[in-house]
Amino acid sequence: MEKVLVTGASGVIGIKVIKYLLSEGKYEITAMDLRNKNSQSKLKKYRRRINVIYGDINDTVLMDALVKDQDYIIHLAGVMPPLADIKKDLSDLVEYDGTENIVKAINYYNPNCVLIYGSSTTVYGDKEEVSVKSPILVTDLDYYSQTKVKCEELIKKKLKKYIIVRLPLILSDPKYGAFMYNVKLNRICEALTDNDAGYMLVSLLAKSEEFNKKIVNATGGEAQMATYREILAKVLEIYGLSFKYILTSLFVDKNFYTHKYLDGDSLNDVLEFRSDSLASYYMRLKRNVKNKRLVARFLAKPVIFFLKRGKK
C-alpha cells in the first residue's frame, strides 16, 4: 500500500484530499497540521482510519521522520491571505522554510518521493487571460505570491520528482476562513471548488509519472466562471457579512488576482476532476447555512445592493 503525507490537512482543500484518498481505499494516509481547535475538530472523525500527526513543518526532526517513508507528499500547509499580506515575513517563515525542510528531507532520506505542491495562480499577476507559459508578474506588496514563487523555484531546482499545481480562487464555505475577499470586483474569475480541488490532487497520484516536473493550472472551467462581483454578491446573500470580509475591505490591497485560463481544460481532459459548478456550490453553501446567520445576512444587504448596482 502506497503512503501519502498531506500537510495542511485540516484546511479546506486538505480535508477534501483526505476524503478522496480514503475513498480510493489503496493508500496509507498521514495527515499533518498544527494542533488547534479547528484542526482537531476536523480530523478527529478520521483518526481511526488515518495517521493524524499534530506538528509544525518547521520542525526538522519531525519532518525528517515523516518524509522517510512516504511515496507521495501533498503539500498544502501555508499562510493564506489576508494574513499573508499583512505580515510580510510570515509566509516566508511558515511556508518557505517549511517547504525547504521537506525538500531537504526528500533529498537526504527519500529521493524517489513525489512532492505535489499547492501553489497559486496569483503568481501571474494582473492579467486577464493566462496559461502556464505566461510570465510571472508579482507586485511588491503581494507577499503571498512572492513566497509561492520562491517555493516553486526551490522545488524545481532541488527535486527530481515533483508536480506544481497552481490553484485559483477556491470556493469553499466561508465559515472555515478560506474564501478570498481581496479581489477586484470586475475581474473575470475562473474559480475551483474545494471538492474539485481535492479530487484533482488525489487523481494526480496515479498520473505522477506523466506529470513529473510539470506545472499545471487546475481550474474550474466555464461552469465555475463569473465576475468576482457576481460571485461575491451571491456569497454575501447566502452567508452574510463576516469579520474577515470587513478586515479585508478596510486594510488589505485587492491583490489576489483572478484570471481566465487558456490551458485550464487540458488538465481536466486527463484527470476528469470537474464535477461542480457555481450553481452547485451556491446550493451547497445555502444548505449549510440554512436559517443561521440571519443578522449577518441582514447587514450584508446594503453591500449586496451596491454590488448589484455597480454591475449595471
Foldseek 3Di string as FASTA:
>chain_A
DAEEEEEPLLALLNVLLVVVVVVVVPYAYEYEEADDPSSCVSCVVCVVPHHYYHDALLPLVVLLVVLQRHQEYEYDDFDDPPVCLVDQCRRCVRPVSSLVSNLVSCVVRNQNHEYEYEAAPLQLWADAEEEPPRDGDDDPSPSRNVSSVVSVVVCLVRHQFYEYEHFAQEQDQCVSPRGDQLADQFHKAFHHYSNLSSLLVNLCVVVRVVRTSHYGYATQPPQAIDGNLVLVLLSCLQQADDPSNVCCVPPNHSSRYHYHYPCNVVSCVVRVRHDDGSVVSSVVNNVVCPPHPPVRNVVCVVVSVVSVVVVD
